[in-house]
Amino acid sequence: MKQFGVIGYPIEHSLSPILHQEIYNQLNISASYDKKKVTRDQLDHFVNTNKLNGFNVTIPHKKTIIPFLKSLDPSAKTIGAVNCVYKSKGYNTDWIGFLKTINNIDLSINNKNCVIIGAGGVARAIAYGLIRKGIKSISIKNRTIESKQKLLEWIDSLHPTNNLNENPNIIINCTPLGMWPKINSMPDIEINNQSTLIETVYNPLETKWLKYGKEIGAKTISGLDMFIWQGIASIELWLGEKISEKIELEKVKKVLKSELC
């Protein structure tokens, strides 16, 4: 039996085991996937001693795990964040999950203006995906100026024509605001009925922010699809084969929705 898992701290909230187990069941693969509570002080020891066939990385280790890995995939190296590890090599499948999500709903990114809320690992991954997809401009809204400035400098290095003075068409929440159990919090940003709101939080399925957006006529996209697709991309790395055509996506969604708040 293959053994996989996800590490983080805290980790109790993660629905990754349910996602992965459903996919393994559909593929008739004998595999387990468990949550591993790993503190920052335990990262080095875990990376060097774990017997897993592959594992995912979540908050707060997506950046801090990097020094303990033997190598990085080019996209993970550029982004500076890892959410998937295989044979001590770090990968980033968050940006793949994001692009797969917007491709599936036929959302045009090319020549659009975007605001990203947050400046962490997920924000960097999504900015990377947006640039690859032909975004016109990316602005950042974040609590700390230093983190915001670092992210903007990094974006400018990849996207020299970035312009921060345009009105945004697309607004993406890359913070935990609204995530269970603090479901009454939401990003403080102006939106209108022409906005497209993209959420990375997947629990609850519809955050307070998305509900508000829907009420005023904005287009809203939940974080569930991105969560599923980054997981599929991780499994494809571990198994060394494409599996997306073999999976009943609606069945996966149904199983996950039954666990959401």
Protein backbone atom coordinates (compact mmCIF):
# COMPACT_ATOMS: atom_id res chain seq x y z
CA MET A 1 0.00 0.00 0.00
CA LYS A 2 1.27 3.45 -0.94
CA GLN A 3 1.27 6.01 1.86
CA PHE A 4 0.72 9.72 1.34
CA GLY A 5 -0.15 12.63 3.62
CA VAL A 6 -0.34 16.34 4.30
CA ILE A 7 1.71 18.29 6.84
CA GLY A 8 0.84 21.55 8.55
CA TYR A 9 0.23 23.22 11.89
CA PRO A 10 -2.62 23.34 12.68
CA ILE A 11 -3.83 20.55 10.42
CA GLU A 12 -7.14 19.45 11.94
CA HIS A 13 -9.19 21.56 9.48
CA SER A 14 -7.78 19.89 6.35
CA LEU A 15 -10.14 17.96 4.08
CA SER A 16 -7.26 16.68 1.95
CA PRO A 17 -7.58 13.09 3.30
CA ILE A 18 -11.21 12.95 2.14
CA LEU A 19 -10.31 14.34 -1.30
CA HIS A 20 -7.42 11.96 -1.83
CA GLN A 21 -9.14 8.88 -0.48
CA GLU A 22 -12.10 9.42 -2.82
CA ILE A 23 -9.74 9.73 -5.79
CA TYR A 24 -7.78 6.60 -4.79
CA ASN A 25 -11.05 4.71 -4.43
CA GLN A 26 -12.18 5.80 -7.89
CA LEU A 27 -8.84 4.70 -9.37
CA ASN A 28 -8.84 1.40 -7.45
CA ILE A 29 -5.47 2.28 -5.94
CA SER A 30 -4.45 0.81 -2.60
CA ALA A 31 -3.27 3.93 -0.78
CA SER A 32 -3.69 5.86 2.44
CA TYR A 33 -3.51 9.61 3.04
CA ASP A 34 -3.20 11.02 6.55
CA LYS A 35 -2.89 14.37 8.31
CA LYS A 36 0.48 14.93 9.98
CA LYS A 37 0.79 17.65 12.61
CA VAL A 38 4.31 19.02 12.11
CA THR A 39 5.63 22.16 13.79
CA ARG A 40 8.32 24.36 12.25
CA ASP A 41 10.92 22.90 14.61
CA GLN A 42 10.01 19.40 13.42
CA LEU A 43 10.24 20.12 9.67
CA ASP A 44 13.88 19.11 9.17
CA HIS A 45 13.41 15.82 11.04
CA PHE A 46 10.17 15.01 9.20
CA VAL A 47 11.59 15.66 5.72
CA ASN A 48 14.61 13.46 6.42
CA THR A 49 12.90 10.56 8.20
CA ASN A 50 9.36 10.18 6.78
CA LYS A 51 8.59 7.03 4.80
CA LEU A 52 5.76 8.51 2.72
CA ASN A 53 5.55 8.02 -1.04
CA GLY A 54 4.71 11.71 -1.34
CA PHE A 55 3.10 14.46 0.74
CA ASN A 56 1.40 17.82 0.52
CA VAL A 57 2.38 20.92 2.47
CA THR A 58 -0.05 23.46 3.88
CA ILE A 59 -0.01 26.50 6.18
CA PRO A 60 2.43 27.59 7.59
CA HIS A 61 5.17 25.50 5.94
CA LYS A 62 4.93 26.28 2.20
CA LYS A 63 7.99 28.55 2.31
CA THR A 64 9.82 27.32 5.42
CA ILE A 65 10.11 23.74 4.15
CA ILE A 66 12.26 24.76 1.17
CA PRO A 67 15.71 24.73 2.88
CA PHE A 68 15.16 21.12 3.95
CA LEU A 69 14.40 19.77 0.46
CA LYS A 70 17.04 18.38 -1.91
CA SER A 71 15.75 20.23 -4.98
CA LEU A 72 12.88 22.28 -6.40
CA ASP A 73 10.84 22.06 -9.57
CA PRO A 74 11.38 25.23 -11.70
CA SER A 75 7.90 26.63 -10.98
CA ALA A 76 8.25 26.04 -7.22
CA LYS A 77 11.66 27.71 -7.33
CA THR A 78 10.25 30.75 -9.13
CA ILE A 79 7.21 31.00 -6.86
CA GLY A 80 9.22 30.39 -3.69
CA ALA A 81 6.54 28.14 -2.20
CA VAL A 82 6.00 24.38 -2.10
CA ASN A 83 2.74 22.50 -1.57
CA CYS A 84 3.78 19.08 -2.86
CA VAL A 85 6.85 16.93 -2.19
CA TYR A 86 8.01 13.80 -4.03
CA LYS A 87 11.37 12.12 -3.38
CA SER A 88 12.58 15.17 -1.43
CA LYS A 89 11.86 17.47 -4.39
CA GLY A 90 9.48 20.38 -3.93
CA TYR A 91 6.70 21.20 -6.37
CA ASN A 92 3.91 23.76 -6.54
CA THR A 93 0.54 22.52 -7.80
CA ASP A 94 -1.50 25.47 -6.46
CA TRP A 95 -0.98 27.48 -9.65
CA ILE A 96 -1.89 24.44 -11.75
CA GLY A 97 -5.11 24.00 -9.76
CA PHE A 98 -5.93 27.68 -10.21
CA LEU A 99 -5.41 27.66 -13.98
CA LYS A 100 -7.34 24.42 -14.38
CA THR A 101 -10.25 26.01 -12.50
CA ILE A 102 -10.44 29.15 -14.64
CA ASN A 103 -9.94 27.15 -17.84
CA ASN A 104 -12.86 24.88 -16.96
CA ILE A 105 -15.25 27.81 -16.49
CA ASP A 106 -13.88 29.58 -19.57
CA LEU A 107 -12.87 32.71 -17.63
CA SER A 108 -10.81 35.04 -19.79
CA ILE A 109 -7.70 36.34 -18.00
CA ASN A 110 -5.84 37.79 -20.96
CA ASN A 111 -5.48 41.59 -20.77
CA LYS A 112 -7.54 41.83 -17.55
CA ASN A 113 -6.67 43.72 -14.34
CA CYS A 114 -6.54 41.82 -11.07
CA VAL A 115 -6.25 42.47 -7.34
CA ILE A 116 -4.87 39.72 -5.12
CA ILE A 117 -5.76 39.91 -1.43
CA GLY A 118 -2.88 38.49 0.61
CA ALA A 119 0.85 38.06 0.07
CA GLY A 120 1.62 34.50 1.15
CA GLY A 121 2.49 31.32 -0.73
CA VAL A 122 -0.93 30.92 -2.37
CA ALA A 123 -0.88 34.56 -3.52
CA ARG A 124 2.50 34.01 -5.19
CA ALA A 125 1.31 30.81 -6.87
CA ILE A 126 -1.79 32.49 -8.25
CA ALA A 127 0.17 35.54 -9.42
CA TYR A 128 2.52 33.16 -11.25
CA GLY A 129 -0.45 31.47 -12.93
CA LEU A 130 -2.01 34.81 -13.88
CA ILE A 131 1.21 36.01 -15.50
CA ARG A 132 1.54 32.78 -17.49
CA LYS A 133 -2.06 33.23 -18.63
CA GLY A 134 -1.52 36.79 -19.93
CA ILE A 135 -2.91 39.03 -17.18
CA LYS A 136 -2.49 42.76 -17.85
CA SER A 137 -1.92 43.99 -14.29
CA ILE A 138 -1.77 42.64 -10.74
CA SER A 139 -2.25 44.78 -7.64
CA ILE A 140 -1.83 43.53 -4.07
CA LYS A 141 -3.93 44.31 -0.98
CA ASN A 142 -2.28 43.12 2.23
CA ARG A 143 -2.15 44.05 5.91
CA THR A 144 1.63 44.43 6.08
CA ILE A 145 3.30 46.86 3.67
CA GLU A 146 6.63 45.00 3.69
CA SER A 147 5.10 41.70 2.48
CA LYS A 148 3.03 43.55 -0.10
CA GLN A 149 6.10 45.36 -1.45
CA LYS A 150 8.15 42.16 -1.65
CA LEU A 151 5.42 40.44 -3.62
CA LEU A 152 5.01 43.39 -5.98
CA GLU A 153 8.76 43.48 -6.63
CA TRP A 154 8.69 39.77 -7.41
CA ILE A 155 5.70 40.23 -9.76
CA ASP A 156 7.48 43.11 -11.52
CA SER A 157 10.53 40.87 -12.08
CA LEU A 158 8.31 38.35 -13.93
CA HIS A 159 5.95 40.87 -15.50
CA PRO A 160 7.84 44.14 -16.20
CA THR A 161 4.84 45.84 -17.82
CA ASN A 162 2.72 45.47 -14.67
CA ASN A 163 0.56 48.56 -14.07
CA LEU A 164 -1.01 49.20 -10.67
CA ASN A 165 -3.28 52.07 -11.71
CA GLU A 166 -5.99 50.13 -13.52
CA ASN A 167 -9.45 49.31 -12.16
CA PRO A 168 -9.60 45.59 -11.33
CA ASN A 169 -11.88 43.20 -13.23
CA ILE A 170 -10.89 40.21 -11.09
CA ILE A 171 -10.44 40.06 -7.30
CA ILE A 172 -8.89 36.98 -5.71
CA ASN A 173 -8.90 36.25 -1.98
CA CYS A 174 -5.70 34.43 -1.00
CA THR A 175 -6.15 34.83 2.77
CA PRO A 176 -7.98 32.63 5.31
CA LEU A 177 -10.64 35.33 5.81
CA GLY A 178 -14.03 33.66 5.95
CA MET A 179 -12.66 30.16 6.49
CA TRP A 180 -14.36 27.88 9.01
CA PRO A 181 -14.74 28.42 11.93
CA LYS A 182 -14.39 32.22 11.51
CA ILE A 183 -17.05 32.34 8.82
CA ASN A 184 -18.22 35.90 9.54
CA SER A 185 -14.98 37.56 8.44
CA MET A 186 -14.48 38.77 4.87
CA PRO A 187 -12.03 40.87 2.83
CA ASP A 188 -12.44 44.64 3.12
CA ILE A 189 -12.38 45.62 -0.53
CA GLU A 190 -14.74 47.48 -2.84
CA ILE A 191 -16.59 45.32 -5.37
CA ASN A 192 -19.44 45.87 -7.83
CA ASN A 193 -21.66 43.95 -10.21
CA GLN A 194 -18.91 43.95 -12.85
CA SER A 195 -16.41 42.22 -10.54
CA THR A 196 -15.35 38.60 -10.74
CA LEU A 197 -14.61 37.25 -7.24
CA ILE A 198 -12.38 34.20 -6.92
CA GLU A 199 -12.08 32.51 -3.54
CA THR A 200 -9.31 30.17 -2.40
CA VAL A 201 -11.13 29.26 0.83
CA TYR A 202 -13.15 26.08 0.23
CA ASN A 203 -14.76 25.61 3.65
CA PRO A 204 -17.48 26.87 3.74
CA LEU A 205 -18.30 26.29 0.09
CA GLU A 206 -19.71 29.82 -0.16
CA THR A 207 -17.96 32.32 2.10
CA LYS A 208 -19.60 35.49 3.40
CA TRP A 209 -17.59 37.41 0.77
CA LEU A 210 -18.93 35.28 -2.08
CA LYS A 211 -22.49 35.54 -0.75
CA TYR A 212 -22.19 39.33 -0.69
CA GLY A 213 -20.74 39.35 -4.19
CA LYS A 214 -23.58 37.21 -5.50
CA GLU A 215 -26.15 39.53 -3.87
CA ILE A 216 -24.83 42.56 -5.76
CA GLY A 217 -24.57 40.71 -9.07
CA ALA A 218 -20.85 39.90 -9.20
CA LYS A 219 -19.56 36.66 -10.75
CA THR A 220 -18.33 34.34 -7.97
CA ILE A 221 -16.05 31.29 -8.01
CA SER A 222 -15.57 29.13 -4.91
CA GLY A 223 -12.25 27.65 -3.81
CA LEU A 224 -13.43 24.04 -4.06
CA ASP A 225 -12.38 23.40 -7.66
CA MET A 226 -8.89 24.81 -7.11
CA PHE A 227 -8.55 22.59 -4.03
CA ILE A 228 -9.56 19.53 -6.05
CA TRP A 229 -7.33 20.28 -9.03
CA GLN A 230 -4.20 20.98 -7.01
CA GLY A 231 -4.80 17.61 -5.33
CA ILE A 232 -5.18 15.85 -8.68
CA ALA A 233 -1.95 17.49 -9.91
CA SER A 234 -0.15 16.23 -6.79
CA ILE A 235 -1.39 12.67 -7.30
CA GLU A 236 -0.29 12.76 -10.95
CA LEU A 237 3.22 13.68 -9.79
CA TRP A 238 3.33 10.85 -7.27
CA LEU A 239 1.91 8.20 -9.61
CA GLY A 240 3.72 9.42 -12.73
CA GLU A 241 0.58 9.30 -14.87
CA LYS A 242 -2.35 11.47 -15.94
CA ILE A 243 -5.51 10.64 -14.01
CA SER A 244 -7.87 13.58 -14.61
CA GLU A 245 -9.75 11.81 -17.42
CA LYS A 246 -10.38 8.80 -15.16
CA ILE A 247 -12.01 10.73 -12.32
CA GLU A 248 -15.71 11.46 -11.80
CA LEU A 249 -15.31 15.09 -10.75
CA GLU A 250 -18.93 15.60 -9.72
CA LYS A 251 -18.72 12.59 -7.41
CA VAL A 252 -15.58 14.02 -5.81
CA LYS A 253 -17.37 17.35 -5.28
CA LYS A 254 -20.40 15.62 -3.78
CA VAL A 255 -18.24 13.76 -1.25
CA LEU A 256 -16.41 16.96 -0.25
CA LYS A 257 -19.57 19.07 -0.04
CA SER A 258 -21.04 16.60 2.45
CA GLU A 259 -18.12 17.44 4.77
CA LEU A 260 -18.26 21.23 4.39
CA CYS A 261 -19.85 23.57 6.91
